[in-house]
N, C-alpha and C. Protein backbone atom coordinates (compact mmCIF):
# COMPACT_ATOMS: atom_id res chain seq x y z
N MET A 1 115.33 90.71 118.55
CA MET A 1 116.41 91.62 118.91
C MET A 1 116.14 92.20 120.29
N GLY A 2 117.19 92.65 120.96
CA GLY A 2 117.08 93.22 122.28
C GLY A 2 116.67 94.68 122.24
N PRO A 3 116.63 95.34 123.40
CA PRO A 3 116.23 96.74 123.45
C PRO A 3 117.23 97.65 122.74
N VAL A 4 116.72 98.67 122.08
CA VAL A 4 117.55 99.62 121.36
C VAL A 4 117.13 101.03 121.75
N ASP A 5 118.08 101.84 122.16
CA ASP A 5 117.83 103.25 122.46
C ASP A 5 118.64 104.05 121.44
N LEU A 6 117.97 104.52 120.41
CA LEU A 6 118.66 105.12 119.27
C LEU A 6 117.99 106.44 118.90
N SER A 7 118.78 107.47 118.72
CA SER A 7 118.24 108.75 118.27
C SER A 7 119.04 109.23 117.07
N VAL A 8 118.34 109.92 116.16
CA VAL A 8 118.95 110.49 114.97
C VAL A 8 118.50 111.94 114.88
N GLY A 9 119.46 112.86 114.79
CA GLY A 9 119.12 114.28 114.73
C GLY A 9 118.98 114.77 113.30
N TRP A 10 118.26 115.87 113.12
CA TRP A 10 118.13 116.46 111.79
C TRP A 10 119.49 116.91 111.28
N GLY A 11 119.73 116.68 110.01
CA GLY A 11 121.02 116.98 109.41
C GLY A 11 122.08 115.93 109.68
N GLU A 12 121.68 114.80 110.27
CA GLU A 12 122.63 113.75 110.65
C GLU A 12 122.42 112.49 109.82
N ALA A 13 123.51 111.84 109.47
CA ALA A 13 123.46 110.55 108.79
C ALA A 13 124.01 109.49 109.74
N VAL A 14 123.23 108.48 110.05
CA VAL A 14 123.61 107.42 110.97
C VAL A 14 123.55 106.09 110.24
N ALA A 15 124.62 105.32 110.34
CA ALA A 15 124.68 103.99 109.72
C ALA A 15 124.43 102.92 110.76
N LEU A 16 123.62 101.93 110.40
CA LEU A 16 123.40 100.74 111.22
C LEU A 16 124.17 99.59 110.58
N ILE A 17 125.07 98.97 111.33
CA ILE A 17 125.78 97.81 110.85
C ILE A 17 125.56 96.66 111.82
N GLY A 18 125.97 95.48 111.42
CA GLY A 18 125.81 94.30 112.26
C GLY A 18 125.48 93.10 111.41
N PRO A 19 125.63 91.90 111.96
CA PRO A 19 125.36 90.69 111.19
C PRO A 19 123.89 90.55 110.83
N SER A 20 123.60 89.70 109.88
CA SER A 20 122.20 89.42 109.52
C SER A 20 121.46 88.94 110.76
N GLY A 21 120.25 89.46 110.94
CA GLY A 21 119.46 89.09 112.10
C GLY A 21 119.68 89.96 113.32
N SER A 22 120.55 90.96 113.21
CA SER A 22 120.84 91.81 114.37
C SER A 22 119.78 92.90 114.56
N GLY A 23 118.91 93.10 113.56
CA GLY A 23 117.80 94.03 113.76
C GLY A 23 117.84 95.29 112.91
N LYS A 24 118.77 95.37 111.96
CA LYS A 24 118.87 96.59 111.14
C LYS A 24 117.56 96.87 110.40
N THR A 25 117.09 95.86 109.66
CA THR A 25 115.86 96.05 108.87
C THR A 25 114.65 96.21 109.78
N SER A 26 114.64 95.53 110.92
CA SER A 26 113.51 95.64 111.84
C SER A 26 113.34 97.07 112.34
N ILE A 27 114.45 97.74 112.64
CA ILE A 27 114.38 99.13 113.09
C ILE A 27 113.78 100.00 111.99
N LEU A 28 114.22 99.79 110.76
CA LEU A 28 113.68 100.58 109.65
C LEU A 28 112.20 100.29 109.46
N ARG A 29 111.80 99.04 109.60
CA ARG A 29 110.39 98.69 109.42
C ARG A 29 109.50 99.32 110.49
N VAL A 30 110.01 99.43 111.71
CA VAL A 30 109.25 100.12 112.77
C VAL A 30 109.03 101.58 112.38
N LEU A 31 110.09 102.23 111.89
CA LEU A 31 109.99 103.64 111.53
C LEU A 31 109.18 103.85 110.25
N ARG A 32 109.03 102.82 109.44
CA ARG A 32 108.16 102.89 108.26
C ARG A 32 106.70 102.66 108.63
N GLY A 33 106.45 102.23 109.84
CA GLY A 33 105.09 101.90 110.27
C GLY A 33 104.67 100.51 109.90
N GLU A 34 105.61 99.65 109.48
CA GLU A 34 105.29 98.29 109.07
C GLU A 34 105.32 97.31 110.23
N MET A 35 105.94 97.70 111.34
CA MET A 35 106.02 96.86 112.54
C MET A 35 105.77 97.74 113.75
N VAL A 36 105.22 97.13 114.79
CA VAL A 36 105.05 97.83 116.07
C VAL A 36 105.96 97.15 117.09
N PRO A 37 106.82 97.92 117.79
CA PRO A 37 107.72 97.29 118.76
C PRO A 37 106.95 96.61 119.88
N SER A 38 107.43 95.45 120.33
CA SER A 38 106.75 94.73 121.41
C SER A 38 106.91 95.45 122.74
N HIS A 39 107.98 96.22 122.87
CA HIS A 39 108.20 97.03 124.08
C HIS A 39 108.72 98.39 123.65
N GLY A 40 108.45 99.40 124.47
CA GLY A 40 108.99 100.72 124.19
C GLY A 40 108.20 101.45 123.11
N TRP A 41 108.86 102.38 122.43
CA TRP A 41 108.16 103.22 121.46
C TRP A 41 109.13 103.73 120.41
N ALA A 42 108.55 104.20 119.31
CA ALA A 42 109.32 104.86 118.25
C ALA A 42 108.69 106.23 118.05
N ARG A 43 109.51 107.26 118.08
CA ARG A 43 109.02 108.64 118.00
C ARG A 43 109.70 109.34 116.83
N LEU A 44 108.90 110.05 116.04
CA LEU A 44 109.40 110.80 114.90
C LEU A 44 108.84 112.21 114.98
N SER A 45 109.73 113.20 114.99
CA SER A 45 109.33 114.61 115.13
C SER A 45 108.43 114.81 116.34
N GLY A 46 108.75 114.10 117.41
CA GLY A 46 108.01 114.26 118.66
C GLY A 46 106.73 113.47 118.74
N ILE A 47 106.37 112.74 117.69
CA ILE A 47 105.11 111.99 117.66
C ILE A 47 105.41 110.51 117.85
N GLU A 48 104.77 109.90 118.85
CA GLU A 48 104.95 108.48 119.11
C GLU A 48 104.04 107.69 118.15
N LEU A 49 104.67 106.93 117.26
CA LEU A 49 103.93 106.32 116.14
C LEU A 49 102.84 105.37 116.60
N SER A 50 103.08 104.60 117.65
CA SER A 50 102.11 103.59 118.07
C SER A 50 100.89 104.20 118.75
N ARG A 51 100.94 105.50 119.06
CA ARG A 51 99.84 106.14 119.78
C ARG A 51 98.87 106.88 118.86
N ILE A 52 99.15 106.86 117.56
CA ILE A 52 98.20 107.49 116.64
C ILE A 52 97.52 106.42 115.79
N ARG A 53 96.31 106.70 115.36
CA ARG A 53 95.54 105.72 114.60
C ARG A 53 96.21 105.38 113.28
N LEU A 54 95.92 104.19 112.77
CA LEU A 54 96.59 103.68 111.58
C LEU A 54 96.47 104.65 110.40
N THR A 55 95.27 105.19 110.17
CA THR A 55 95.09 106.10 109.04
C THR A 55 95.91 107.37 109.24
N GLN A 56 95.94 107.90 110.46
CA GLN A 56 96.74 109.09 110.75
C GLN A 56 98.23 108.78 110.62
N ARG A 57 98.62 107.59 111.06
CA ARG A 57 100.03 107.20 110.99
C ARG A 57 100.48 107.10 109.54
N SER A 58 99.64 106.48 108.70
CA SER A 58 99.99 106.33 107.28
C SER A 58 100.14 107.69 106.61
N GLU A 59 99.22 108.61 106.92
CA GLU A 59 99.29 109.95 106.34
C GLU A 59 100.53 110.69 106.82
N PHE A 60 100.82 110.59 108.11
CA PHE A 60 101.99 111.26 108.69
C PHE A 60 103.28 110.72 108.07
N LEU A 61 103.39 109.41 107.97
CA LEU A 61 104.61 108.81 107.43
C LEU A 61 104.78 109.12 105.94
N ARG A 62 103.68 109.21 105.20
CA ARG A 62 103.77 109.52 103.77
C ARG A 62 104.40 110.89 103.55
N HIS A 63 104.13 111.80 104.47
CA HIS A 63 104.69 113.15 104.35
C HIS A 63 106.08 113.25 104.96
N SER A 64 106.40 112.39 105.92
CA SER A 64 107.60 112.58 106.74
C SER A 64 108.75 111.63 106.45
N VAL A 65 108.48 110.52 105.76
CA VAL A 65 109.49 109.48 105.58
C VAL A 65 109.64 109.14 104.10
N SER A 66 110.89 108.97 103.68
CA SER A 66 111.20 108.46 102.34
C SER A 66 112.03 107.20 102.49
N CYS A 67 111.92 106.29 101.52
CA CYS A 67 112.61 105.01 101.62
C CYS A 67 113.44 104.75 100.37
N LEU A 68 114.57 104.11 100.59
CA LEU A 68 115.45 103.69 99.49
C LEU A 68 115.91 102.28 99.80
N ASP A 69 115.59 101.34 98.91
CA ASP A 69 115.88 99.94 99.16
C ASP A 69 116.97 99.41 98.23
N GLN A 70 117.36 98.17 98.50
CA GLN A 70 118.42 97.53 97.71
C GLN A 70 118.04 97.45 96.24
N ARG A 71 116.80 97.09 95.97
CA ARG A 71 116.31 97.00 94.59
C ARG A 71 115.28 98.11 94.38
N PRO A 72 115.54 99.02 93.46
CA PRO A 72 114.62 100.14 93.26
C PRO A 72 113.22 99.66 92.89
N VAL A 73 112.22 100.21 93.55
CA VAL A 73 110.83 99.91 93.23
C VAL A 73 110.29 101.09 92.43
N LEU A 74 110.33 100.94 91.10
CA LEU A 74 109.90 102.00 90.19
C LEU A 74 108.79 101.48 89.30
N LEU A 75 108.01 102.38 88.76
CA LEU A 75 106.88 101.98 87.91
C LEU A 75 107.30 102.02 86.44
N PRO A 76 107.35 100.87 85.76
CA PRO A 76 107.87 100.82 84.38
C PRO A 76 107.01 101.58 83.38
N GLU A 77 105.73 101.81 83.71
CA GLU A 77 104.87 102.53 82.76
C GLU A 77 105.10 104.04 82.80
N LEU A 78 105.89 104.52 83.76
CA LEU A 78 106.21 105.94 83.87
C LEU A 78 107.65 106.17 83.44
N ASP A 79 107.93 107.36 82.91
CA ASP A 79 109.31 107.67 82.58
C ASP A 79 110.05 108.13 83.84
N VAL A 80 111.30 108.52 83.68
CA VAL A 80 112.15 108.83 84.83
C VAL A 80 111.57 109.97 85.67
N VAL A 81 111.27 111.10 85.04
CA VAL A 81 110.82 112.25 85.82
C VAL A 81 109.47 111.99 86.48
N GLU A 82 108.61 111.22 85.84
CA GLU A 82 107.31 110.89 86.42
C GLU A 82 107.48 110.00 87.64
N ASN A 83 108.42 109.05 87.60
CA ASN A 83 108.68 108.21 88.76
C ASN A 83 109.18 109.05 89.94
N VAL A 84 110.08 110.00 89.66
CA VAL A 84 110.63 110.83 90.73
C VAL A 84 109.55 111.74 91.32
N ALA A 85 108.65 112.22 90.50
CA ALA A 85 107.60 113.13 90.96
C ALA A 85 106.50 112.42 91.74
N LEU A 86 106.42 111.11 91.65
CA LEU A 86 105.28 110.36 92.20
C LEU A 86 105.00 110.65 93.68
N PRO A 87 106.00 110.67 94.58
CA PRO A 87 105.68 110.95 95.99
C PRO A 87 105.02 112.31 96.19
N LEU A 88 105.41 113.29 95.40
CA LEU A 88 104.80 114.61 95.51
C LEU A 88 103.36 114.59 95.01
N LEU A 89 103.13 113.88 93.91
CA LEU A 89 101.77 113.79 93.39
C LEU A 89 100.85 113.08 94.39
N LEU A 90 101.37 112.06 95.05
CA LEU A 90 100.58 111.35 96.07
C LEU A 90 100.30 112.24 97.27
N ASN A 91 101.16 113.23 97.50
CA ASN A 91 100.94 114.19 98.58
C ASN A 91 100.19 115.43 98.10
N ARG A 92 99.55 115.29 96.93
CA ARG A 92 98.65 116.32 96.37
C ARG A 92 99.36 117.60 95.96
N VAL A 93 100.62 117.50 95.60
CA VAL A 93 101.31 118.65 95.00
C VAL A 93 100.84 118.76 93.55
N ALA A 94 100.63 119.98 93.09
CA ALA A 94 100.19 120.19 91.71
C ALA A 94 101.18 119.57 90.73
N GLU A 95 100.66 118.98 89.64
CA GLU A 95 101.51 118.22 88.72
C GLU A 95 102.67 119.06 88.18
N ARG A 96 102.40 120.29 87.80
CA ARG A 96 103.46 121.14 87.25
C ARG A 96 104.57 121.34 88.27
N ASP A 97 104.20 121.63 89.50
CA ASP A 97 105.19 121.85 90.56
C ASP A 97 105.94 120.56 90.88
N ALA A 98 105.23 119.44 90.92
CA ALA A 98 105.85 118.15 91.23
C ALA A 98 106.90 117.79 90.18
N LEU A 99 106.57 117.99 88.91
CA LEU A 99 107.52 117.67 87.85
C LEU A 99 108.74 118.58 87.89
N GLU A 100 108.54 119.85 88.23
CA GLU A 100 109.67 120.77 88.33
C GLU A 100 110.58 120.38 89.49
N GLN A 101 110.00 120.02 90.64
CA GLN A 101 110.80 119.58 91.77
C GLN A 101 111.53 118.28 91.46
N ALA A 102 110.89 117.41 90.69
CA ALA A 102 111.52 116.16 90.28
C ALA A 102 112.73 116.43 89.40
N ARG A 103 112.62 117.39 88.50
CA ARG A 103 113.76 117.75 87.64
C ARG A 103 114.92 118.29 88.47
N VAL A 104 114.60 119.06 89.50
CA VAL A 104 115.65 119.57 90.39
C VAL A 104 116.34 118.41 91.11
N ALA A 105 115.56 117.45 91.61
CA ALA A 105 116.14 116.28 92.30
C ALA A 105 117.03 115.48 91.35
N LEU A 106 116.61 115.35 90.10
CA LEU A 106 117.43 114.63 89.12
C LEU A 106 118.73 115.39 88.84
N PHE A 107 118.65 116.70 88.79
CA PHE A 107 119.86 117.51 88.60
C PHE A 107 120.80 117.34 89.79
N GLU A 108 120.26 117.36 91.00
CA GLU A 108 121.08 117.25 92.21
C GLU A 108 121.78 115.90 92.30
N THR A 109 121.17 114.87 91.73
CA THR A 109 121.79 113.55 91.75
C THR A 109 122.58 113.26 90.47
N GLY A 110 122.71 114.27 89.61
CA GLY A 110 123.58 114.15 88.46
C GLY A 110 123.04 113.33 87.30
N ILE A 111 121.72 113.16 87.25
CA ILE A 111 121.16 112.34 86.17
C ILE A 111 120.04 113.08 85.45
N ASP A 112 120.11 114.40 85.40
CA ASP A 112 119.07 115.17 84.72
C ASP A 112 119.00 114.86 83.22
N ALA A 113 120.07 114.32 82.66
CA ALA A 113 120.05 113.95 81.24
C ALA A 113 119.09 112.79 80.97
N LEU A 114 118.69 112.08 82.02
CA LEU A 114 117.81 110.92 81.87
C LEU A 114 116.33 111.28 82.01
N VAL A 115 116.01 112.54 82.11
CA VAL A 115 114.69 112.99 82.55
C VAL A 115 113.53 112.31 81.81
N SER A 116 113.65 112.11 80.51
CA SER A 116 112.53 111.55 79.73
C SER A 116 112.77 110.11 79.30
N ARG A 117 113.82 109.50 79.82
CA ARG A 117 114.16 108.14 79.40
C ARG A 117 113.17 107.11 79.94
N ASP A 118 113.00 106.05 79.18
CA ASP A 118 112.22 104.90 79.62
C ASP A 118 113.08 104.06 80.56
N LEU A 119 112.48 103.53 81.61
CA LEU A 119 113.26 102.78 82.61
C LEU A 119 113.96 101.57 82.01
N SER A 120 113.38 100.98 80.97
CA SER A 120 113.97 99.77 80.39
C SER A 120 115.30 100.03 79.71
N THR A 121 115.63 101.30 79.49
CA THR A 121 116.89 101.64 78.82
C THR A 121 118.01 101.95 79.81
N LEU A 122 117.74 101.87 81.12
CA LEU A 122 118.71 102.30 82.13
C LEU A 122 119.47 101.12 82.72
N SER A 123 120.70 101.38 83.14
CA SER A 123 121.51 100.37 83.85
C SER A 123 121.06 100.28 85.30
N GLY A 124 121.57 99.27 86.01
CA GLY A 124 121.23 99.11 87.43
C GLY A 124 121.64 100.31 88.26
N GLY A 125 122.83 100.84 87.99
CA GLY A 125 123.30 102.01 88.73
C GLY A 125 122.43 103.23 88.46
N GLN A 126 122.01 103.41 87.20
CA GLN A 126 121.14 104.53 86.86
C GLN A 126 119.77 104.40 87.52
N LEU A 127 119.23 103.18 87.56
CA LEU A 127 117.93 102.96 88.20
C LEU A 127 118.00 103.30 89.68
N GLN A 128 119.12 102.93 90.33
CA GLN A 128 119.23 103.23 91.76
C GLN A 128 119.36 104.73 91.99
N ARG A 129 119.98 105.44 91.08
CA ARG A 129 120.06 106.89 91.22
C ARG A 129 118.71 107.56 90.96
N VAL A 130 117.90 106.97 90.09
CA VAL A 130 116.53 107.47 89.93
C VAL A 130 115.76 107.27 91.23
N ALA A 131 115.91 106.10 91.84
CA ALA A 131 115.25 105.84 93.13
C ALA A 131 115.76 106.80 94.19
N LEU A 132 117.05 107.13 94.16
CA LEU A 132 117.62 108.09 95.10
C LEU A 132 117.00 109.47 94.90
N ALA A 133 116.89 109.90 93.65
CA ALA A 133 116.27 111.20 93.37
C ALA A 133 114.84 111.23 93.89
N ARG A 134 114.12 110.13 93.71
CA ARG A 134 112.74 110.07 94.21
C ARG A 134 112.71 110.16 95.73
N ALA A 135 113.65 109.50 96.41
CA ALA A 135 113.70 109.56 97.87
C ALA A 135 114.03 110.97 98.36
N LEU A 136 114.79 111.72 97.56
CA LEU A 136 115.23 113.05 97.97
C LEU A 136 114.30 114.16 97.49
N VAL A 137 113.25 113.83 96.73
CA VAL A 137 112.42 114.87 96.13
C VAL A 137 111.60 115.60 97.19
N LYS A 138 111.30 114.95 98.31
CA LYS A 138 110.64 115.66 99.40
C LYS A 138 111.67 116.61 100.03
N PRO A 139 111.27 117.84 100.34
CA PRO A 139 112.25 118.81 100.85
C PRO A 139 112.73 118.54 102.27
N SER A 140 112.03 117.70 103.00
CA SER A 140 112.43 117.43 104.38
C SER A 140 111.97 116.04 104.79
N GLY A 141 112.42 115.60 105.98
CA GLY A 141 111.96 114.34 106.53
C GLY A 141 113.08 113.34 106.73
N LEU A 142 112.69 112.18 107.24
CA LEU A 142 113.61 111.09 107.53
C LEU A 142 113.73 110.17 106.33
N LEU A 143 114.97 109.87 105.94
CA LEU A 143 115.20 108.95 104.83
C LEU A 143 115.71 107.64 105.41
N LEU A 144 115.00 106.56 105.11
CA LEU A 144 115.36 105.23 105.58
C LEU A 144 115.92 104.44 104.40
N ALA A 145 117.18 104.04 104.49
CA ALA A 145 117.84 103.35 103.39
C ALA A 145 118.27 101.96 103.85
N ASP A 146 117.75 100.94 103.21
CA ASP A 146 118.02 99.55 103.60
C ASP A 146 118.90 98.89 102.54
N GLU A 147 120.20 98.80 102.81
CA GLU A 147 121.18 98.21 101.89
C GLU A 147 121.04 98.77 100.48
N PRO A 148 121.02 100.11 100.33
CA PRO A 148 120.73 100.69 99.01
C PRO A 148 121.82 100.47 97.98
N THR A 149 123.01 100.05 98.39
CA THR A 149 124.11 99.86 97.43
C THR A 149 124.52 98.40 97.28
N ALA A 150 123.79 97.49 97.91
CA ALA A 150 124.23 96.09 97.96
C ALA A 150 124.30 95.43 96.59
N SER A 151 123.46 95.85 95.66
CA SER A 151 123.43 95.21 94.35
C SER A 151 124.27 95.95 93.31
N LEU A 152 125.02 96.97 93.75
CA LEU A 152 125.81 97.78 92.82
C LEU A 152 127.28 97.41 92.89
N ASP A 153 128.01 97.68 91.79
CA ASP A 153 129.45 97.49 91.83
C ASP A 153 130.08 98.60 92.68
N ARG A 154 131.37 98.47 92.95
CA ARG A 154 132.03 99.39 93.88
C ARG A 154 131.91 100.85 93.45
N LYS A 155 132.12 101.10 92.17
CA LYS A 155 132.09 102.48 91.67
C LYS A 155 130.71 103.09 91.85
N ASN A 156 129.67 102.36 91.43
CA ASN A 156 128.31 102.89 91.56
C ASN A 156 127.86 102.95 93.01
N ALA A 157 128.29 101.98 93.83
CA ALA A 157 127.94 102.00 95.24
C ALA A 157 128.47 103.25 95.91
N ASP A 158 129.74 103.56 95.66
CA ASP A 158 130.34 104.76 96.26
C ASP A 158 129.65 106.02 95.77
N ARG A 159 129.30 106.04 94.48
CA ARG A 159 128.66 107.23 93.90
C ARG A 159 127.29 107.47 94.54
N VAL A 160 126.48 106.41 94.64
CA VAL A 160 125.15 106.55 95.24
C VAL A 160 125.26 106.95 96.71
N ALA A 161 126.18 106.32 97.44
CA ALA A 161 126.33 106.61 98.86
C ALA A 161 126.75 108.06 99.09
N LYS A 162 127.70 108.55 98.30
CA LYS A 162 128.16 109.94 98.47
C LYS A 162 127.04 110.92 98.17
N LEU A 163 126.25 110.65 97.13
CA LEU A 163 125.12 111.52 96.81
C LEU A 163 124.09 111.50 97.93
N LEU A 164 123.76 110.31 98.40
CA LEU A 164 122.76 110.14 99.44
C LEU A 164 123.17 110.86 100.72
N ILE A 165 124.36 110.56 101.21
CA ILE A 165 124.82 111.13 102.48
C ILE A 165 125.07 112.63 102.34
N GLY A 166 125.63 113.05 101.21
CA GLY A 166 125.88 114.47 100.99
C GLY A 166 124.62 115.29 100.96
N GLN A 167 123.58 114.80 100.28
CA GLN A 167 122.32 115.53 100.19
C GLN A 167 121.65 115.65 101.55
N VAL A 168 121.73 114.61 102.36
CA VAL A 168 121.10 114.64 103.68
C VAL A 168 121.86 115.58 104.61
N CYS A 169 123.18 115.46 104.64
CA CYS A 169 123.97 116.24 105.59
C CYS A 169 123.99 117.72 105.25
N SER A 170 123.67 118.08 104.01
CA SER A 170 123.65 119.49 103.63
C SER A 170 122.30 120.14 103.90
N ASN A 171 121.34 119.37 104.44
CA ASN A 171 119.99 119.88 104.67
C ASN A 171 119.60 119.65 106.13
N PRO A 172 119.47 120.72 106.92
CA PRO A 172 119.14 120.55 108.34
C PRO A 172 117.72 120.08 108.59
N CYS A 173 116.94 119.94 107.52
CA CYS A 173 115.57 119.44 107.66
C CYS A 173 115.46 117.98 107.26
N ARG A 174 116.59 117.33 107.02
CA ARG A 174 116.61 115.92 106.66
C ARG A 174 117.44 115.13 107.66
N ALA A 175 117.20 113.83 107.69
CA ALA A 175 118.02 112.91 108.47
C ALA A 175 118.05 111.58 107.74
N LEU A 176 119.13 110.83 107.97
CA LEU A 176 119.30 109.54 107.28
C LEU A 176 119.61 108.45 108.28
N LEU A 177 118.89 107.34 108.15
CA LEU A 177 119.21 106.11 108.87
C LEU A 177 119.47 105.05 107.82
N LEU A 178 120.71 104.59 107.76
CA LEU A 178 121.19 103.73 106.68
C LEU A 178 121.62 102.38 107.23
N ALA A 179 120.96 101.30 106.79
CA ALA A 179 121.37 99.95 107.16
C ALA A 179 122.29 99.41 106.07
N THR A 180 123.46 98.92 106.45
CA THR A 180 124.41 98.45 105.44
C THR A 180 125.37 97.43 106.02
N HIS A 181 125.88 96.55 105.15
CA HIS A 181 126.99 95.66 105.50
C HIS A 181 128.32 96.22 105.00
N ASP A 182 128.25 97.32 104.28
CA ASP A 182 129.43 97.90 103.65
C ASP A 182 130.09 98.89 104.61
N LEU A 183 131.20 98.49 105.21
CA LEU A 183 131.84 99.33 106.22
C LEU A 183 132.39 100.62 105.62
N LYS A 184 132.84 100.57 104.37
CA LYS A 184 133.34 101.77 103.72
C LYS A 184 132.25 102.83 103.64
N ILE A 185 131.05 102.42 103.26
CA ILE A 185 129.94 103.35 103.17
C ILE A 185 129.47 103.78 104.55
N ALA A 186 129.44 102.87 105.50
CA ALA A 186 129.05 103.22 106.86
C ALA A 186 129.93 104.33 107.42
N GLN A 187 131.23 104.26 107.12
CA GLN A 187 132.17 105.24 107.66
C GLN A 187 132.03 106.61 107.02
N MET A 188 131.26 106.73 105.94
CA MET A 188 130.98 108.05 105.36
C MET A 188 129.95 108.82 106.21
N CYS A 189 129.22 108.11 107.06
CA CYS A 189 128.16 108.73 107.85
C CYS A 189 128.74 109.46 109.06
N ASP A 190 127.91 110.27 109.69
CA ASP A 190 128.33 111.00 110.89
C ASP A 190 128.57 110.07 112.07
N ARG A 191 127.81 108.99 112.10
CA ARG A 191 127.88 108.08 113.24
C ARG A 191 127.58 106.67 112.76
N VAL A 192 128.25 105.68 113.37
CA VAL A 192 128.04 104.28 113.04
C VAL A 192 127.58 103.55 114.30
N VAL A 193 126.46 102.83 114.19
CA VAL A 193 125.93 102.05 115.30
C VAL A 193 126.04 100.58 114.94
N ASP A 194 126.81 99.83 115.74
CA ASP A 194 127.00 98.40 115.50
C ASP A 194 126.02 97.63 116.36
N LEU A 195 124.97 97.10 115.74
CA LEU A 195 123.94 96.35 116.49
C LEU A 195 124.46 95.01 116.98
N GLY A 196 125.60 94.57 116.44
CA GLY A 196 126.21 93.34 116.93
C GLY A 196 126.94 93.53 118.24
N GLU A 197 127.21 94.79 118.58
CA GLU A 197 127.89 95.11 119.83
C GLU A 197 127.11 96.20 120.55
N LEU A 198 125.82 95.97 120.68
CA LEU A 198 124.91 97.01 121.14
C LEU A 198 125.16 97.38 122.60
N ALA A 199 125.38 98.66 122.80
CA ALA A 199 125.48 99.18 124.17
C ALA A 199 124.08 99.46 124.69
N PRO A 200 123.90 99.65 126.03
CA PRO A 200 122.57 99.91 126.57
C PRO A 200 121.91 101.15 125.98
N SER A 201 122.68 102.16 125.63
CA SER A 201 122.11 103.38 125.06
C SER A 201 123.03 103.88 123.95
N ILE A 202 122.42 104.27 122.81
CA ILE A 202 123.20 104.72 121.66
C ILE A 202 122.87 106.17 121.37
């Protein structure tokens, strides 16, 4: 992919669209710390990711970035609330506090009734909403969503997208970068960037 000059502000939801191979997932992978750009830099909260050591980068990103993918990556041996609490537990939040925050995230995404359910009993749409609650359980940071509604039907896709974008835009300490082929969902965001028609600066 060519050069990209892209900024996302706190409280803002930005959609990335464009044909396959245009670089949507590559941008997200750079911000996840999974790729290093061959030219230029990626900066998050004023910190240039490529200039800090790998261990420091991993720790920083674990606290600052949440991810939501097309297929939810959940642990089947844990129930719903335990899966949602997991990022907090990994960040050394006390178990009692982590579980309480997870219940709040489940309530905010409208699935608090599933709190103790086994994952094997949930539909695809419900699993994606559990993954959404887990992505939103951190009180702040950048949320990177890579085609999070691609495997859902229209009704569930719209529901997940509205919850995702609404939760981010209502919090000035959060930001969303969403890669999608779904133009309807892209248009729900504050700004749409078409990588297929990339201008010199976005």
